[in-house]
Amino acid sequence: MVRSLLKKYNIKGGTFDQHFLVDAGYLDRIVAAAELGPEDVVLEIGAGIGNLTERLAKKAKKVIAVELDPVLVRVLHDRFDKIENIEIIAGDALKIKLPEFDKVVSNLPYSISSEITFKLLHHKFKLGILMYQYEFAARMVSSPNCKDYSRLTVDTCYFADASILMKVPKNAFQPAPEVDSAVIKLVPRPAPFEVKDQAFFMDFVAAVFSQRRKKLRNAILNMNHVLKIPSIKEVIAQLPEDMMSKRAENLTPEELAKVANQIIDLKTSLLANELKGQ
């Protein structure tokens, strides 16, 4: 079915990081994983020729299909303009204001995986069923002390529970990508640990993982041009030695949050002391 659509519309793929999922079995499993009901509004990013869109529309109240490629937008309009519960938005998902939605189900363009994931996580929704490059998916769900544990792992953990539902081989796509893919189940929830300053925490995590082979003490010192911690050596001297002597990759998201929170407290205390001395 999908291959015949590609042939009908003379779609080759590849122009905008496009790899069309042509295996009907995986398409059906993705839709089943979304557990769609008649009240669900579904966002699909990178709708392509509508192979997933069509299946989603049969289960959901409404599907909002976002597509950047003008050629594929025309295909979507040709196929779905007469279907009342499909809305087509032509545009860049990173730049447009996303509409309200309950669930997001997408074969995401891999080149924007990180940016679009965190844009989504700043929206309120119930469930995401999202296709990623397998290596990216592995980083999202990794554990400390593993090679895949990264800034992405910690940031994802802050916003949501993530799990790999299935691995999808490259031959399930046309044209085939160079790597295998994986489908992630993403369930947003409140953060499982306290963060006193979210913006600083995100900057802190990015900074220390950019120096992942350095002990935390040296990583913070090396990246203080980004973190802008006043009296940096004095602050580090008051942070727990058992954490300062480890690398970021050896600390849990909660432990990294504790360090970031302590830095915030120490910055506040230093500022208060300075004000008293004036």
C-alpha atoms as a PDB file:
ATOM      1  CA  MET A   1       0.000   0.000   0.000  1.00  0.00           C
ATOM      2  CA  VAL A   2       2.673   2.539   1.037  1.00  0.00           C
ATOM      3  CA  ARG A   3       5.003   1.592  -1.801  1.00  0.00           C
ATOM      4  CA  SER A   4       2.137   1.997  -4.275  1.00  0.00           C
ATOM      5  CA  LEU A   5       1.471   5.511  -2.913  1.00  0.00           C
ATOM      6  CA  LEU A   6       5.136   6.454  -3.320  1.00  0.00           C
ATOM      7  CA  LYS A   7       4.986   5.183  -6.899  1.00  0.00           C
ATOM      8  CA  LYS A   8       1.663   6.914  -7.628  1.00  0.00           C
ATOM      9  CA  TYR A   9       2.945  10.317  -6.504  1.00  0.00           C
ATOM     10  CA  ASN A  10       6.486   9.712  -7.790  1.00  0.00           C
ATOM     11  CA  ILE A  11       7.960  10.303  -4.334  1.00  0.00           C
ATOM     12  CA  LYS A  12      11.596   9.271  -3.954  1.00  0.00           C
ATOM     13  CA  GLY A  13      12.294  10.533  -0.421  1.00  0.00           C
ATOM     14  CA  GLY A  14      15.424  12.002   1.072  1.00  0.00           C
ATOM     15  CA  THR A  15      14.780  15.703   0.347  1.00  0.00           C
ATOM     16  CA  PHE A  16      13.967  16.660   3.952  1.00  0.00           C
ATOM     17  CA  ASP A  17      15.512  13.760   5.900  1.00  0.00           C
ATOM     18  CA  GLN A  18      12.640  11.567   4.666  1.00  0.00           C
ATOM     19  CA  HIS A  19      12.487   7.831   5.191  1.00  0.00           C
ATOM     20  CA  PHE A  20       8.974   6.463   4.723  1.00  0.00           C
ATOM     21  CA  LEU A  21       7.892   3.579   6.940  1.00  0.00           C
ATOM     22  CA  VAL A  22       6.485   1.080   4.435  1.00  0.00           C
ATOM     23  CA  ASP A  23       6.079  -1.983   6.667  1.00  0.00           C
ATOM     24  CA  ALA A  24       2.351  -2.184   7.482  1.00  0.00           C
ATOM     25  CA  GLY A  25       3.027  -4.360  10.520  1.00  0.00           C
ATOM     26  CA  TYR A  26       5.100  -1.681  12.232  1.00  0.00           C
ATOM     27  CA  LEU A  27       2.605   1.021  11.283  1.00  0.00           C
ATOM     28  CA  ASP A  28      -0.185  -0.968  12.915  1.00  0.00           C
ATOM     29  CA  ARG A  29       1.891  -1.639  16.042  1.00  0.00           C
ATOM     30  CA  ILE A  30       2.649   2.085  16.414  1.00  0.00           C
ATOM     31  CA  VAL A  31      -1.042   2.977  16.197  1.00  0.00           C
ATOM     32  CA  ALA A  32      -1.940   0.225  18.682  1.00  0.00           C
ATOM     33  CA  ALA A  33       0.684   1.514  21.135  1.00  0.00           C
ATOM     34  CA  ALA A  34      -0.972   4.942  21.133  1.00  0.00           C
ATOM     35  CA  GLU A  35      -4.145   3.394  22.616  1.00  0.00           C
ATOM     36  CA  LEU A  36      -6.299   5.934  20.801  1.00  0.00           C
ATOM     37  CA  GLY A  37      -9.860   6.676  21.787  1.00  0.00           C
ATOM     38  CA  PRO A  38     -12.686   8.633  20.148  1.00  0.00           C
ATOM     39  CA  GLU A  39     -11.862  11.776  22.161  1.00  0.00           C
ATOM     40  CA  ASP A  40      -8.139  11.910  21.383  1.00  0.00           C
ATOM     41  CA  VAL A  41      -6.624  14.742  19.350  1.00  0.00           C
ATOM     42  CA  VAL A  42      -3.387  13.456  17.816  1.00  0.00           C
ATOM     43  CA  LEU A  43      -0.430  15.499  16.593  1.00  0.00           C
ATOM     44  CA  GLU A  44       1.697  13.945  13.862  1.00  0.00           C
ATOM     45  CA  ILE A  45       4.987  15.642  12.952  1.00  0.00           C
ATOM     46  CA  GLY A  46       6.467  14.802   9.578  1.00  0.00           C
ATOM     47  CA  ALA A  47       3.308  13.262   8.136  1.00  0.00           C
ATOM     48  CA  GLY A  48       4.953  12.489   4.783  1.00  0.00           C
ATOM     49  CA  ILE A  49       2.509  10.831   2.389  1.00  0.00           C
ATOM     50  CA  GLY A  50       0.053  10.043   5.172  1.00  0.00           C
ATOM     51  CA  ASN A  51       0.687   6.333   5.682  1.00  0.00           C
ATOM     52  CA  LEU A  52       0.465   6.771   9.458  1.00  0.00           C
ATOM     53  CA  THR A  53      -2.009   9.663   9.269  1.00  0.00           C
ATOM     54  CA  GLU A  54      -4.643   7.494   7.614  1.00  0.00           C
ATOM     55  CA  ARG A  55      -4.437   4.829  10.317  1.00  0.00           C
ATOM     56  CA  LEU A  56      -4.520   7.382  13.152  1.00  0.00           C
ATOM     57  CA  ALA A  57      -7.614   9.099  11.736  1.00  0.00           C
ATOM     58  CA  LYS A  58      -9.566   5.841  11.889  1.00  0.00           C
ATOM     59  CA  LYS A  59      -9.048   5.665  15.669  1.00  0.00           C
ATOM     60  CA  ALA A  60      -8.881   9.273  16.898  1.00  0.00           C
ATOM     61  CA  LYS A  61     -11.256  12.205  17.111  1.00  0.00           C
ATOM     62  CA  LYS A  62      -8.857  14.353  15.088  1.00  0.00           C
ATOM     63  CA  VAL A  63      -5.372  14.161  13.559  1.00  0.00           C
ATOM     64  CA  ILE A  64      -3.277  17.298  13.068  1.00  0.00           C
ATOM     65  CA  ALA A  65      -0.666  16.454  10.435  1.00  0.00           C
ATOM     66  CA  VAL A  66       2.355  18.779  10.202  1.00  0.00           C
ATOM     67  CA  GLU A  67       4.546  18.556   7.099  1.00  0.00           C
ATOM     68  CA  LEU A  68       7.362  20.793   5.834  1.00  0.00           C
ATOM     69  CA  ASP A  69       7.910  19.487   2.292  1.00  0.00           C
ATOM     70  CA  PRO A  70       5.564  21.332  -0.147  1.00  0.00           C
ATOM     71  CA  VAL A  71       5.466  18.295  -2.451  1.00  0.00           C
ATOM     72  CA  LEU A  72       4.244  16.068   0.378  1.00  0.00           C
ATOM     73  CA  VAL A  73       1.813  18.731   1.591  1.00  0.00           C
ATOM     74  CA  ARG A  74       0.150  18.543  -1.822  1.00  0.00           C
ATOM     75  CA  VAL A  75      -0.035  14.750  -1.522  1.00  0.00           C
ATOM     76  CA  LEU A  76      -1.672  15.042   1.901  1.00  0.00           C
ATOM     77  CA  HIS A  77      -4.256  17.509   0.592  1.00  0.00           C
ATOM     78  CA  ASP A  78      -4.965  15.275  -2.393  1.00  0.00           C
ATOM     79  CA  ARG A  79      -5.521  12.275  -0.163  1.00  0.00           C
ATOM     80  CA  PHE A  80      -7.262  13.791   2.862  1.00  0.00           C
ATOM     81  CA  ASP A  81      -9.037  17.056   2.052  1.00  0.00           C
ATOM     82  CA  LYS A  82     -12.378  15.251   2.098  1.00  0.00           C
ATOM     83  CA  ILE A  83     -11.709  13.560   5.446  1.00  0.00           C
ATOM     84  CA  GLU A  84     -13.181  15.787   8.131  1.00  0.00           C
ATOM     85  CA  ASN A  85     -11.036  14.710  11.092  1.00  0.00           C
ATOM     86  CA  ILE A  86      -7.655  15.381   9.436  1.00  0.00           C
ATOM     87  CA  GLU A  87      -6.166  18.880   9.600  1.00  0.00           C
ATOM     88  CA  ILE A  88      -3.046  19.545   7.527  1.00  0.00           C
ATOM     89  CA  ILE A  89      -0.538  22.189   8.619  1.00  0.00           C
ATOM     90  CA  ALA A  90       2.195  23.141   6.150  1.00  0.00           C
ATOM     91  CA  GLY A  91       5.258  24.330   8.022  1.00  0.00           C
ATOM     92  CA  ASP A  92       8.337  23.649  10.117  1.00  0.00           C
ATOM     93  CA  ALA A  93       7.346  22.004  13.402  1.00  0.00           C
ATOM     94  CA  LEU A  94      10.285  23.720  15.118  1.00  0.00           C
ATOM     95  CA  LYS A  95       9.067  27.175  14.121  1.00  0.00           C
ATOM     96  CA  ILE A  96       5.270  27.038  14.200  1.00  0.00           C
ATOM     97  CA  LYS A  97       3.163  27.343  17.334  1.00  0.00           C
ATOM     98  CA  LEU A  98       1.964  23.836  18.048  1.00  0.00           C
ATOM     99  CA  PRO A  99      -1.790  23.404  18.473  1.00  0.00           C
ATOM    100  CA  GLU A 100      -3.379  21.752  21.497  1.00  0.00           C
ATOM    101  CA  PHE A 101      -3.214  17.951  21.375  1.00  0.00           C
ATOM    102  CA  ASP A 102      -3.689  14.930  23.643  1.00  0.00           C
ATOM    103  CA  LYS A 103      -1.199  12.525  22.099  1.00  0.00           C
ATOM    104  CA  VAL A 104       1.672  12.823  19.656  1.00  0.00           C
ATOM    105  CA  VAL A 105       2.421   9.939  17.301  1.00  0.00           C
ATOM    106  CA  SER A 106       5.174  10.504  14.743  1.00  0.00           C
ATOM    107  CA  ASN A 107       7.967   9.097  12.653  1.00  0.00           C
ATOM    108  CA  LEU A 108      10.137  12.112  13.456  1.00  0.00           C
ATOM    109  CA  PRO A 109      12.728  13.591  11.095  1.00  0.00           C
ATOM    110  CA  TYR A 110      15.911  12.360  12.750  1.00  0.00           C
ATOM    111  CA  SER A 111      17.857  15.572  12.133  1.00  0.00           C
ATOM    112  CA  ILE A 112      15.574  17.488  14.533  1.00  0.00           C
ATOM    113  CA  SER A 113      15.064  14.722  17.119  1.00  0.00           C
ATOM    114  CA  SER A 114      16.460  16.588  20.114  1.00  0.00           C
ATOM    115  CA  GLU A 115      14.971  20.016  19.352  1.00  0.00           C
ATOM    116  CA  ILE A 116      11.472  18.761  18.566  1.00  0.00           C
ATOM    117  CA  THR A 117      11.400  16.398  21.558  1.00  0.00           C
ATOM    118  CA  PHE A 118      12.080  19.194  24.024  1.00  0.00           C
ATOM    119  CA  LYS A 119       9.667  21.502  22.258  1.00  0.00           C
ATOM    120  CA  LEU A 120       7.026  18.805  22.730  1.00  0.00           C
ATOM    121  CA  LEU A 121       7.928  18.280  26.384  1.00  0.00           C
ATOM    122  CA  HIS A 122       7.158  21.918  27.117  1.00  0.00           C
ATOM    123  CA  HIS A 123       3.577  21.237  26.025  1.00  0.00           C
ATOM    124  CA  LYS A 124       0.910  19.488  28.028  1.00  0.00           C
ATOM    125  CA  PHE A 125      -0.029  16.093  26.578  1.00  0.00           C
ATOM    126  CA  LYS A 126      -0.815  12.576  27.795  1.00  0.00           C
ATOM    127  CA  LEU A 127       1.319  10.275  25.656  1.00  0.00           C
ATOM    128  CA  GLY A 128       3.921  10.256  22.913  1.00  0.00           C
ATOM    129  CA  ILE A 129       4.712   7.344  20.587  1.00  0.00           C
ATOM    130  CA  LEU A 130       7.757   8.561  18.679  1.00  0.00           C
ATOM    131  CA  MET A 131      10.169   7.029  16.195  1.00  0.00           C
ATOM    132  CA  TYR A 132      13.863   7.910  16.550  1.00  0.00           C
ATOM    133  CA  GLN A 133      17.211   6.736  15.315  1.00  0.00           C
ATOM    134  CA  TYR A 134      18.034   3.754  17.537  1.00  0.00           C
ATOM    135  CA  GLU A 135      21.174   5.308  19.024  1.00  0.00           C
ATOM    136  CA  PHE A 136      19.218   8.427  19.996  1.00  0.00           C
ATOM    137  CA  ALA A 137      16.481   6.328  21.611  1.00  0.00           C
ATOM    138  CA  ALA A 138      19.103   4.381  23.574  1.00  0.00           C
ATOM    139  CA  ARG A 139      20.475   7.632  25.016  1.00  0.00           C
ATOM    140  CA  MET A 140      16.994   8.695  26.100  1.00  0.00           C
ATOM    141  CA  VAL A 141      16.506   5.596  28.276  1.00  0.00           C
ATOM    142  CA  SER A 142      20.060   4.887  29.458  1.00  0.00           C
ATOM    143  CA  SER A 143      21.271   4.471  33.058  1.00  0.00           C
ATOM    144  CA  PRO A 144      24.257   6.078  34.837  1.00  0.00           C
ATOM    145  CA  ASN A 145      27.654   4.468  34.176  1.00  0.00           C
ATOM    146  CA  CYS A 146      26.577   3.367  30.689  1.00  0.00           C
ATOM    147  CA  LYS A 147      28.130   4.688  27.483  1.00  0.00           C
ATOM    148  CA  ASP A 148      24.762   6.026  26.275  1.00  0.00           C
ATOM    149  CA  TYR A 149      24.058   7.963  29.491  1.00  0.00           C
ATOM    150  CA  SER A 150      24.097  11.640  28.556  1.00  0.00           C
ATOM    151  CA  ARG A 151      22.596  15.086  28.842  1.00  0.00           C
ATOM    152  CA  LEU A 152      19.656  13.754  26.794  1.00  0.00           C
ATOM    153  CA  THR A 153      19.027  11.023  29.393  1.00  0.00           C
ATOM    154  CA  VAL A 154      18.934  13.477  32.289  1.00  0.00           C
ATOM    155  CA  ASP A 155      16.805  16.053  30.489  1.00  0.00           C
ATOM    156  CA  THR A 156      14.310  13.395  29.383  1.00  0.00           C
ATOM    157  CA  CYS A 157      14.125  11.980  32.914  1.00  0.00           C
ATOM    158  CA  TYR A 158      13.289  15.441  34.263  1.00  0.00           C
ATOM    159  CA  PHE A 159      10.207  15.747  32.050  1.00  0.00           C
ATOM    160  CA  ALA A 160       8.921  12.246  31.364  1.00  0.00           C
ATOM    161  CA  ASP A 161       9.118   8.476  31.666  1.00  0.00           C
ATOM    162  CA  ALA A 162      10.634   7.003  28.513  1.00  0.00           C
ATOM    163  CA  SER A 163      10.862   3.395  27.353  1.00  0.00           C
ATOM    164  CA  ILE A 164      11.729   1.641  24.094  1.00  0.00           C
ATOM    165  CA  LEU A 165       8.708  -0.219  22.725  1.00  0.00           C
ATOM    166  CA  MET A 166      10.248  -1.764  19.640  1.00  0.00           C
ATOM    167  CA  LYS A 167      13.323  -1.703  17.434  1.00  0.00           C
ATOM    168  CA  VAL A 168      12.584  -1.087  13.755  1.00  0.00           C
ATOM    169  CA  PRO A 169      15.069  -2.373  11.146  1.00  0.00           C
ATOM    170  CA  LYS A 170      16.259  -0.112   8.347  1.00  0.00           C
ATOM    171  CA  ASN A 171      14.627  -2.331   5.703  1.00  0.00           C
ATOM    172  CA  ALA A 172      11.182  -1.331   7.046  1.00  0.00           C
ATOM    173  CA  PHE A 173      11.695   2.062   5.356  1.00  0.00           C
ATOM    174  CA  GLN A 174      11.910   3.379   1.817  1.00  0.00           C
ATOM    175  CA  PRO A 175      14.455   4.703   1.124  1.00  0.00           C
ATOM    176  CA  ALA A 176      16.262   2.763   3.828  1.00  0.00           C
ATOM    177  CA  PRO A 177      18.172   4.899   6.350  1.00  0.00           C
ATOM    178  CA  GLU A 178      21.731   4.022   7.247  1.00  0.00           C
ATOM    179  CA  VAL A 179      20.784   2.970  10.788  1.00  0.00           C
ATOM    180  CA  ASP A 180      18.065   1.070  12.607  1.00  0.00           C
ATOM    181  CA  SER A 181      15.299   2.938  14.404  1.00  0.00           C
ATOM    182  CA  ALA A 182      13.301   2.549  17.609  1.00  0.00           C
ATOM    183  CA  VAL A 183       9.880   3.575  18.858  1.00  0.00           C
ATOM    184  CA  ILE A 184       9.839   5.343  22.221  1.00  0.00           C
ATOM    185  CA  LYS A 185       6.875   5.614  24.574  1.00  0.00           C
ATOM    186  CA  LEU A 186       7.028   9.004  26.282  1.00  0.00           C
ATOM    187  CA  VAL A 187       4.759   9.752  29.244  1.00  0.00           C
ATOM    188  CA  PRO A 188       5.053  13.317  30.621  1.00  0.00           C
ATOM    189  CA  ARG A 189       4.906  13.703  34.413  1.00  0.00           C
ATOM    190  CA  PRO A 190       6.084  16.069  37.158  1.00  0.00           C
ATOM    191  CA  ALA A 191       9.806  15.949  37.841  1.00  0.00           C
ATOM    192  CA  PRO A 192      10.693  13.106  40.243  1.00  0.00           C
ATOM    193  CA  PHE A 193      13.244  15.282  42.065  1.00  0.00           C
ATOM    194  CA  GLU A 194      13.447  18.891  43.211  1.00  0.00           C
ATOM    195  CA  VAL A 195      15.016  21.498  40.931  1.00  0.00           C
ATOM    196  CA  LYS A 196      15.229  25.027  42.364  1.00  0.00           C
ATOM    197  CA  ASP A 197      16.048  26.759  39.082  1.00  0.00           C
ATOM    198  CA  GLN A 198      15.102  24.823  35.942  1.00  0.00           C
ATOM    199  CA  ALA A 199      17.035  27.049  33.516  1.00  0.00           C
ATOM    200  CA  PHE A 200      20.233  26.756  35.581  1.00  0.00           C
ATOM    201  CA  PHE A 201      19.757  22.987  35.988  1.00  0.00           C
ATOM    202  CA  MET A 202      19.485  22.526  32.218  1.00  0.00           C
ATOM    203  CA  ASP A 203      22.564  24.692  31.627  1.00  0.00           C
ATOM    204  CA  PHE A 204      24.439  22.831  34.373  1.00  0.00           C
ATOM    205  CA  VAL A 205      23.642  19.414  32.889  1.00  0.00           C
ATOM    206  CA  ALA A 206      24.669  20.592  29.408  1.00  0.00           C
ATOM    207  CA  ALA A 207      27.922  22.026  30.785  1.00  0.00           C
ATOM    208  CA  VAL A 208      29.088  19.025  32.802  1.00  0.00           C
ATOM    209  CA  PHE A 209      28.243  16.510  30.063  1.00  0.00           C
ATOM    210  CA  SER A 210      30.190  18.586  27.543  1.00  0.00           C
ATOM    211  CA  GLN A 211      33.171  17.674  29.761  1.00  0.00           C
ATOM    212  CA  ARG A 212      32.080  14.103  30.419  1.00  0.00           C
ATOM    213  CA  ARG A 213      35.633  12.726  30.790  1.00  0.00           C
ATOM    214  CA  LYS A 214      36.423  15.299  33.492  1.00  0.00           C
ATOM    215  CA  LYS A 215      35.583  14.999  37.176  1.00  0.00           C
ATOM    216  CA  LEU A 216      32.673  17.205  38.144  1.00  0.00           C
ATOM    217  CA  ARG A 217      34.942  19.705  39.919  1.00  0.00           C
ATOM    218  CA  ASN A 218      37.009  20.337  36.789  1.00  0.00           C
ATOM    219  CA  ALA A 219      33.992  20.249  34.487  1.00  0.00           C
ATOM    220  CA  ILE A 220      32.311  23.040  36.464  1.00  0.00           C
ATOM    221  CA  LEU A 221      35.523  25.096  36.536  1.00  0.00           C
ATOM    222  CA  ASN A 222      36.105  24.633  32.799  1.00  0.00           C
ATOM    223  CA  MET A 223      32.520  25.581  31.923  1.00  0.00           C
ATOM    224  CA  ASN A 224      32.020  28.487  34.297  1.00  0.00           C
ATOM    225  CA  HIS A 225      32.098  30.907  31.374  1.00  0.00           C
ATOM    226  CA  VAL A 226      28.678  29.400  30.611  1.00  0.00           C
ATOM    227  CA  LEU A 227      27.426  28.822  34.167  1.00  0.00           C
ATOM    228  CA  LYS A 228      28.623  32.198  35.494  1.00  0.00           C
ATOM    229  CA  ILE A 229      28.935  31.063  39.115  1.00  0.00           C
ATOM    230  CA  PRO A 230      30.465  33.883  41.239  1.00  0.00           C
ATOM    231  CA  SER A 231      33.395  33.036  43.536  1.00  0.00           C
ATOM    232  CA  ILE A 232      33.584  29.705  41.723  1.00  0.00           C
ATOM    233  CA  LYS A 233      36.469  28.204  43.713  1.00  0.00           C
ATOM    234  CA  GLU A 234      34.816  29.109  47.002  1.00  0.00           C
ATOM    235  CA  VAL A 235      31.556  27.525  45.842  1.00  0.00           C
ATOM    236  CA  ILE A 236      33.222  24.315  44.661  1.00  0.00           C
ATOM    237  CA  ALA A 237      35.084  23.989  47.953  1.00  0.00           C
ATOM    238  CA  GLN A 238      31.713  23.762  49.722  1.00  0.00           C
ATOM    239  CA  LEU A 239      30.209  21.139  47.411  1.00  0.00           C
ATOM    240  CA  PRO A 240      30.252  17.454  48.491  1.00  0.00           C
ATOM    241  CA  GLU A 241      33.595  15.835  47.722  1.00  0.00           C
ATOM    242  CA  ASP A 242      32.018  12.447  46.946  1.00  0.00           C
ATOM    243  CA  MET A 243      30.205  14.038  43.993  1.00  0.00           C
ATOM    244  CA  MET A 244      32.960  16.442  42.926  1.00  0.00           C
ATOM    245  CA  SER A 245      35.348  13.514  42.460  1.00  0.00           C
ATOM    246  CA  LYS A 246      32.982  11.694  40.082  1.00  0.00           C
ATOM    247  CA  ARG A 247      32.199  12.339  36.434  1.00  0.00           C
ATOM    248  CA  ALA A 248      28.760  13.485  35.299  1.00  0.00           C
ATOM    249  CA  GLU A 249      28.182  10.085  33.707  1.00  0.00           C
ATOM    250  CA  ASN A 250      28.525   8.450  37.163  1.00  0.00           C
ATOM    251  CA  LEU A 251      25.793  10.524  38.825  1.00  0.00           C
ATOM    252  CA  THR A 252      22.037   9.968  38.718  1.00  0.00           C
ATOM    253  CA  PRO A 253      19.744  12.753  37.504  1.00  0.00           C
ATOM    254  CA  GLU A 254      18.679  13.306  41.123  1.00  0.00           C
ATOM    255  CA  GLU A 255      22.306  13.635  42.276  1.00  0.00           C
ATOM    256  CA  LEU A 256      23.034  16.142  39.511  1.00  0.00           C
ATOM    257  CA  ALA A 257      19.960  18.107  40.592  1.00  0.00           C
ATOM    258  CA  LYS A 258      21.214  18.125  44.197  1.00  0.00           C
ATOM    259  CA  VAL A 259      24.543  19.620  43.098  1.00  0.00           C
ATOM    260  CA  ALA A 260      22.788  22.243  40.972  1.00  0.00           C
ATOM    261  CA  ASN A 261      20.487  23.107  43.895  1.00  0.00           C
ATOM    262  CA  GLN A 262      23.455  23.460  46.259  1.00  0.00           C
ATOM    263  CA  ILE A 263      25.142  25.830  43.817  1.00  0.00           C
ATOM    264  CA  ILE A 264      21.965  27.943  43.698  1.00  0.00           C
ATOM    265  CA  ASP A 265      21.862  28.031  47.522  1.00  0.00           C
ATOM    266  CA  LEU A 266      25.541  28.995  47.749  1.00  0.00           C
ATOM    267  CA  LYS A 267      25.120  31.730  45.127  1.00  0.00           C
ATOM    268  CA  THR A 268      22.193  33.129  47.107  1.00  0.00           C
ATOM    269  CA  SER A 269      24.176  33.007  50.350  1.00  0.00           C
ATOM    270  CA  LEU A 270      27.199  34.724  48.807  1.00  0.00           C
ATOM    271  CA  LEU A 271      25.014  37.456  47.374  1.00  0.00           C
ATOM    272  CA  ALA A 272      23.319  37.998  50.749  1.00  0.00           C
ATOM    273  CA  ASN A 273      26.716  38.271  52.483  1.00  0.00           C
ATOM    274  CA  GLU A 274      27.894  40.789  49.908  1.00  0.00           C
ATOM    275  CA  LEU A 275      24.819  42.910  50.466  1.00  0.00           C
ATOM    276  CA  LYS A 276      25.349  42.824  54.238  1.00  0.00           C
ATOM    277  CA  GLY A 277      28.918  44.003  53.795  1.00  0.00           C
ATOM    278  CA  GLN A 278      27.910  47.053  51.749  1.00  0.00           C
END
